[in-house]
């Protein structure tokens, strides 16, 4: 990094530190609602600081929650009455897609509008890299029950897999309207925002996730990556240190911290 680049980085760092102090004050004093924050996130166009290929290493460290893991957190999951869909979900969790397919086929023969069966079908096809089939089942699930957050979660997972982060963000926002305190959804939303270049907004979303679960390692890692993109290298290192305190063997946090230290020496 030459002298001119260093000067620019220092100026940006000073500005970001001031902004971050204001953000932290707003967070602790309760200024502004989360709904207002979400409105600003979803309504913006792609930021001019859209991540470049130069920083592909950092982007490779971003964490997206697995859709099956996310669905396990929803209370609705445990009220599934259809024994076939219950068995299918258990098979999905261990990767036994053949057994899952058999149970889901029987479930949909009994009730073609079985919401959970449609969602699990989407998950199965997503795992098998049949993105088009997964999207079709997501569409059916949303059409039958637009108030079910699971269908929006599945659709967001399809778009994330296809790296269509803007569309994924729209579906995550819909799911969060229905389940606003789901940490996994907030983590995925932060990852999408970072991919789209909305770094400050991603930091705000991780703040929200940490209010719900301060000990979530992935929230700390994603927050650190967002800080790194805004030239707040020391803040990024602090986040990675927090992640390592929670999970000392976390390879992602270790690699991210090493990258930040390397940048400080340039």
Protein backbone atom coordinates (compact mmCIF):
# COMPACT_ATOMS: atom_id res chain seq x y z
CA UNK A 1 0.00 0.00 0.00
CA UNK A 2 1.59 3.35 -1.03
CA UNK A 3 1.51 6.60 0.99
CA UNK A 4 -1.54 7.95 -0.83
CA UNK A 5 -3.52 4.78 -0.16
CA UNK A 6 -2.48 4.82 3.49
CA UNK A 7 -3.64 8.43 3.82
CA UNK A 8 -7.01 7.58 2.28
CA UNK A 9 -7.38 4.58 4.58
CA UNK A 10 -6.57 6.67 7.65
CA UNK A 11 -9.08 9.35 6.66
CA UNK A 12 -11.74 6.72 6.05
CA UNK A 13 -10.92 5.07 9.37
CA UNK A 14 -11.35 8.35 11.27
CA UNK A 15 -14.70 9.00 9.61
CA UNK A 16 -15.92 5.46 10.26
CA UNK A 17 -14.91 5.60 13.93
CA UNK A 18 -17.04 8.71 14.38
CA UNK A 19 -19.95 7.03 12.58
CA UNK A 20 -19.54 3.90 14.65
CA UNK A 21 -19.61 5.89 17.89
CA UNK A 22 -22.88 7.48 16.79
CA UNK A 23 -24.29 4.05 15.89
CA UNK A 24 -23.32 2.59 19.26
CA UNK A 25 -24.92 5.54 21.06
CA UNK A 26 -28.12 5.09 19.08
CA UNK A 27 -28.13 1.37 19.85
CA UNK A 28 -27.75 1.84 23.60
CA UNK A 29 -30.20 4.73 23.85
CA UNK A 30 -32.82 3.04 21.68
CA UNK A 31 -32.92 5.78 19.04
CA UNK A 32 -34.74 4.65 15.91
CA UNK A 33 -36.75 1.49 15.51
CA UNK A 34 -35.54 -1.75 13.95
CA UNK A 35 -38.36 -1.41 11.44
CA UNK A 36 -36.94 1.91 10.28
CA UNK A 37 -33.49 0.35 9.95
CA UNK A 38 -34.87 -2.50 7.89
CA UNK A 39 -36.68 -0.09 5.62
CA UNK A 40 -33.47 1.72 4.79
CA UNK A 41 -31.66 -1.56 4.16
CA UNK A 42 -34.15 -3.01 1.76
CA UNK A 43 -34.83 0.18 -0.18
CA UNK A 44 -31.30 1.13 -1.16
CA UNK A 45 -29.56 0.44 -4.43
CA UNK A 46 -26.30 -1.47 -4.58
CA UNK A 47 -23.60 0.46 -2.74
CA UNK A 48 -20.71 1.92 -4.68
CA UNK A 49 -18.40 0.02 -2.33
CA UNK A 50 -19.64 -3.31 -3.66
CA UNK A 51 -17.00 -5.90 -2.68
CA UNK A 52 -14.26 -6.30 -5.28
CA UNK A 53 -12.47 -9.42 -6.44
CA UNK A 54 -9.45 -8.15 -4.52
CA UNK A 55 -11.23 -8.99 -1.28
CA UNK A 56 -12.51 -12.39 -2.30
CA UNK A 57 -10.69 -13.96 0.65
CA UNK A 58 -12.81 -12.04 3.15
CA UNK A 59 -15.99 -12.85 1.25
CA UNK A 60 -15.07 -16.54 1.35
CA UNK A 61 -15.21 -16.32 5.15
CA UNK A 62 -18.78 -15.01 5.28
CA UNK A 63 -21.15 -17.31 7.11
CA UNK A 64 -24.57 -18.33 5.84
CA UNK A 65 -26.78 -20.45 8.08
CA UNK A 66 -27.89 -23.75 6.60
CA UNK A 67 -31.61 -23.70 5.83
CA UNK A 68 -32.30 -26.96 7.70
CA UNK A 69 -30.55 -25.58 10.80
CA UNK A 70 -32.58 -22.38 10.51
CA UNK A 71 -35.88 -24.20 10.23
CA UNK A 72 -35.07 -26.23 13.34
CA UNK A 73 -35.24 -22.99 15.33
CA UNK A 74 -38.83 -22.22 14.40
CA UNK A 75 -41.48 -23.30 16.89
CA UNK A 76 -43.83 -24.23 14.09
CA UNK A 77 -41.51 -27.07 13.15
CA UNK A 78 -42.38 -28.95 16.32
CA UNK A 79 -46.12 -28.81 15.74
CA UNK A 80 -45.98 -30.85 12.52
CA UNK A 81 -48.85 -33.33 12.71
CA UNK A 82 -48.21 -35.40 9.63
CA UNK A 83 -46.04 -38.39 10.53
CA UNK A 84 -44.70 -38.66 7.00
CA UNK A 85 -43.31 -35.12 7.00
CA UNK A 86 -41.82 -35.68 10.46
CA UNK A 87 -39.99 -38.75 9.21
CA UNK A 88 -38.92 -36.93 6.05
CA UNK A 89 -37.41 -34.11 8.08
CA UNK A 90 -35.46 -36.54 10.25
CA UNK A 91 -34.10 -38.17 7.09
CA UNK A 92 -33.18 -34.77 5.65
CA UNK A 93 -31.16 -33.85 8.73
CA UNK A 94 -28.89 -36.88 8.27
CA UNK A 95 -28.72 -36.55 4.49
CA UNK A 96 -30.80 -39.63 3.67
CA UNK A 97 -32.54 -38.08 0.67
CA UNK A 98 -33.91 -41.34 -0.75
CA UNK A 99 -35.87 -42.05 2.44
CA UNK A 100 -36.92 -38.41 2.66
CA UNK A 101 -38.25 -38.54 -0.89
CA UNK A 102 -40.35 -41.63 -0.12
CA UNK A 103 -41.98 -40.03 2.92
CA UNK A 104 -42.56 -36.71 1.15
CA UNK A 105 -44.14 -38.40 -1.84
CA UNK A 106 -46.59 -40.20 0.45
CA UNK A 107 -47.30 -37.00 2.38
CA UNK A 108 -48.13 -35.06 -0.78
CA UNK A 109 -50.26 -37.90 -2.10
CA UNK A 110 -52.37 -37.54 1.05
CA UNK A 111 -52.42 -33.74 0.90
CA UNK A 112 -50.98 -31.93 -2.10
CA UNK A 113 -51.03 -28.65 -0.16
CA UNK A 114 -49.11 -29.99 2.82
CA UNK A 115 -46.99 -26.92 3.61
CA UNK A 116 -44.18 -28.66 5.45
CA UNK A 117 -43.92 -31.39 2.84
CA UNK A 118 -43.55 -28.77 0.09
CA UNK A 119 -40.87 -26.94 2.07
CA UNK A 120 -38.94 -30.13 2.79
CA UNK A 121 -39.15 -31.04 -0.89
CA UNK A 122 -37.56 -27.68 -1.66
CA UNK A 123 -34.80 -28.29 0.89
CA UNK A 124 -34.09 -31.74 -0.51
CA UNK A 125 -33.75 -30.47 -4.06
CA UNK A 126 -31.60 -27.60 -2.83
CA UNK A 127 -29.25 -30.08 -1.16
CA UNK A 128 -29.15 -32.13 -4.34
CA UNK A 129 -28.30 -29.02 -6.42
CA UNK A 130 -31.64 -29.15 -8.23
CA UNK A 131 -32.16 -25.42 -7.85
CA UNK A 132 -34.97 -25.15 -10.40
CA UNK A 133 -37.00 -27.88 -8.69
CA UNK A 134 -36.31 -26.31 -5.30
CA UNK A 135 -37.58 -22.96 -6.57
CA UNK A 136 -40.79 -24.56 -7.87
CA UNK A 137 -41.61 -26.11 -4.49
CA UNK A 138 -40.80 -22.81 -2.75
CA UNK A 139 -43.25 -21.05 -5.06
CA UNK A 140 -45.97 -23.58 -4.25
CA UNK A 141 -45.35 -23.25 -0.52
CA UNK A 142 -45.50 -19.45 -0.63
CA UNK A 143 -48.65 -19.51 -2.75
CA UNK A 144 -50.42 -21.87 -0.35
CA UNK A 145 -49.30 -20.13 2.85
CA UNK A 146 -47.71 -16.69 2.42
CA UNK A 147 -47.74 -16.15 6.20
CA UNK A 148 -45.46 -19.12 6.85
CA UNK A 149 -41.86 -17.89 7.37
CA UNK A 150 -40.46 -21.26 6.32
CA UNK A 151 -41.39 -20.78 2.68
CA UNK A 152 -39.61 -17.40 2.58
CA UNK A 153 -36.57 -18.92 4.27
CA UNK A 154 -36.37 -21.67 1.68
CA UNK A 155 -36.69 -19.21 -1.18
CA UNK A 156 -33.91 -17.08 0.30
CA UNK A 157 -31.72 -20.18 0.50
CA UNK A 158 -32.24 -20.85 -3.22
CA UNK A 159 -31.21 -17.29 -4.10
CA UNK A 160 -28.20 -17.41 -1.75
CA UNK A 161 -27.03 -20.60 -3.44
CA UNK A 162 -27.39 -18.91 -6.82
CA UNK A 163 -25.58 -15.82 -5.46
CA UNK A 164 -28.63 -13.65 -6.12
CA UNK A 165 -28.16 -11.77 -2.88
CA UNK A 166 -30.59 -8.93 -3.63
CA UNK A 167 -33.45 -11.39 -4.14
CA UNK A 168 -32.35 -13.39 -1.11
CA UNK A 169 -32.48 -10.21 0.96
CA UNK A 170 -36.09 -9.54 -0.08
CA UNK A 171 -37.15 -13.01 1.05
CA UNK A 172 -35.19 -12.77 4.30
CA UNK A 173 -36.98 -9.49 5.05
CA UNK A 174 -40.32 -11.22 4.51
CA UNK A 175 -39.31 -14.05 6.84
CA UNK A 176 -38.11 -11.56 9.46
CA UNK A 177 -41.43 -9.73 9.34
CA UNK A 178 -42.98 -13.01 10.47
CA UNK A 179 -40.16 -14.08 12.80
CA UNK A 180 -38.20 -10.94 13.78
CA UNK A 181 -36.07 -12.50 16.51
CA UNK A 182 -34.61 -15.38 14.53
CA UNK A 183 -30.84 -15.00 14.88
CA UNK A 184 -30.04 -17.29 11.95
CA UNK A 185 -32.13 -15.15 9.60
CA UNK A 186 -30.39 -12.00 10.84
CA UNK A 187 -26.98 -13.58 10.24
CA UNK A 188 -27.93 -14.50 6.69
CA UNK A 189 -29.30 -11.01 6.15
CA UNK A 190 -26.01 -9.47 7.31
CA UNK A 191 -24.10 -11.76 4.94
CA UNK A 192 -26.28 -10.69 2.01
CA UNK A 193 -25.85 -7.02 2.89
CA UNK A 194 -22.07 -7.43 2.95
CA UNK A 195 -22.16 -9.18 -0.42
CA UNK A 196 -24.13 -6.23 -1.78
CA UNK A 197 -21.80 -3.65 -0.25
CA UNK A 198 -24.10 -2.39 2.52
CA UNK A 199 -21.46 -2.66 5.22
CA UNK A 200 -22.81 -0.22 7.82
CA UNK A 201 -26.28 -1.74 7.49
CA UNK A 202 -24.78 -5.20 7.95
CA UNK A 203 -23.16 -4.01 11.19
CA UNK A 204 -26.55 -2.78 12.42
CA UNK A 205 -28.12 -6.13 11.64
CA UNK A 206 -25.40 -7.98 13.57
CA UNK A 207 -26.07 -5.65 16.50
CA UNK A 208 -29.69 -6.82 16.38
CA UNK A 209 -28.61 -10.46 16.27
CA UNK A 210 -26.29 -9.95 19.24
CA UNK A 211 -29.04 -8.36 21.30
CA UNK A 212 -30.86 -11.66 20.96
CA UNK A 213 -27.79 -13.92 21.28
CA UNK A 214 -24.58 -12.17 22.30
CA UNK A 215 -22.63 -15.43 22.22
CA UNK A 216 -23.31 -16.26 18.58
CA UNK A 217 -19.90 -16.86 16.97
CA UNK A 218 -21.12 -16.33 13.42
CA UNK A 219 -22.56 -12.92 14.25
CA UNK A 220 -19.16 -11.82 15.57
CA UNK A 221 -17.38 -13.12 12.45
CA UNK A 222 -19.76 -11.44 10.02
CA UNK A 223 -19.61 -8.22 12.02
CA UNK A 224 -15.82 -8.32 11.89
CA UNK A 225 -15.87 -8.78 8.12
CA UNK A 226 -18.20 -5.80 7.75
CA UNK A 227 -15.85 -3.70 9.89
CA UNK A 228 -12.92 -4.79 7.74
CA UNK A 229 -14.62 -3.45 4.63
CA UNK A 230 -15.13 -0.07 6.31
CA UNK A 231 -11.41 0.19 7.19
CA UNK A 232 -12.07 -0.35 10.91
CA UNK A 233 -9.35 -2.97 11.14
CA UNK A 234 -8.94 -2.81 14.93
CA UNK A 235 -12.69 -3.20 15.42
CA UNK A 236 -12.61 -6.16 13.04
CA UNK A 237 -9.80 -7.79 15.03
CA UNK A 238 -11.76 -7.25 18.25
CA UNK A 239 -14.75 -9.03 16.72
CA UNK A 240 -12.62 -11.97 15.62
CA UNK A 241 -11.08 -12.11 19.11
CA UNK A 242 -14.59 -12.26 20.59
CA UNK A 243 -15.42 -15.12 18.24
CA UNK A 244 -12.26 -16.97 19.27
CA UNK A 245 -13.05 -16.49 22.95
CA UNK A 246 -16.36 -18.24 22.31
CA UNK A 247 -14.84 -20.87 20.01
CA UNK A 248 -11.02 -21.01 20.29
CA UNK A 249 -10.71 -23.59 17.52
CA UNK A 250 -12.75 -21.62 14.96
CA UNK A 251 -10.60 -21.68 11.83
CA UNK A 252 -12.57 -18.96 10.05
CA UNK A 253 -12.06 -16.47 12.88
CA UNK A 254 -8.37 -17.38 13.06
CA UNK A 255 -7.85 -16.82 9.33
CA UNK A 256 -9.79 -13.57 9.38
CA UNK A 257 -7.76 -12.26 12.32
CA UNK A 258 -4.49 -13.16 10.59
CA UNK A 259 -5.65 -11.33 7.45
CA UNK A 260 -6.43 -8.20 9.49
CA UNK A 261 -3.04 -8.29 11.19
CA UNK A 262 -1.38 -8.63 7.80
CA UNK A 263 -3.22 -5.54 6.59
CA UNK A 264 -2.09 -3.54 9.61
CA UNK A 265 1.54 -4.20 8.68
CA UNK A 266 1.15 -3.11 5.05
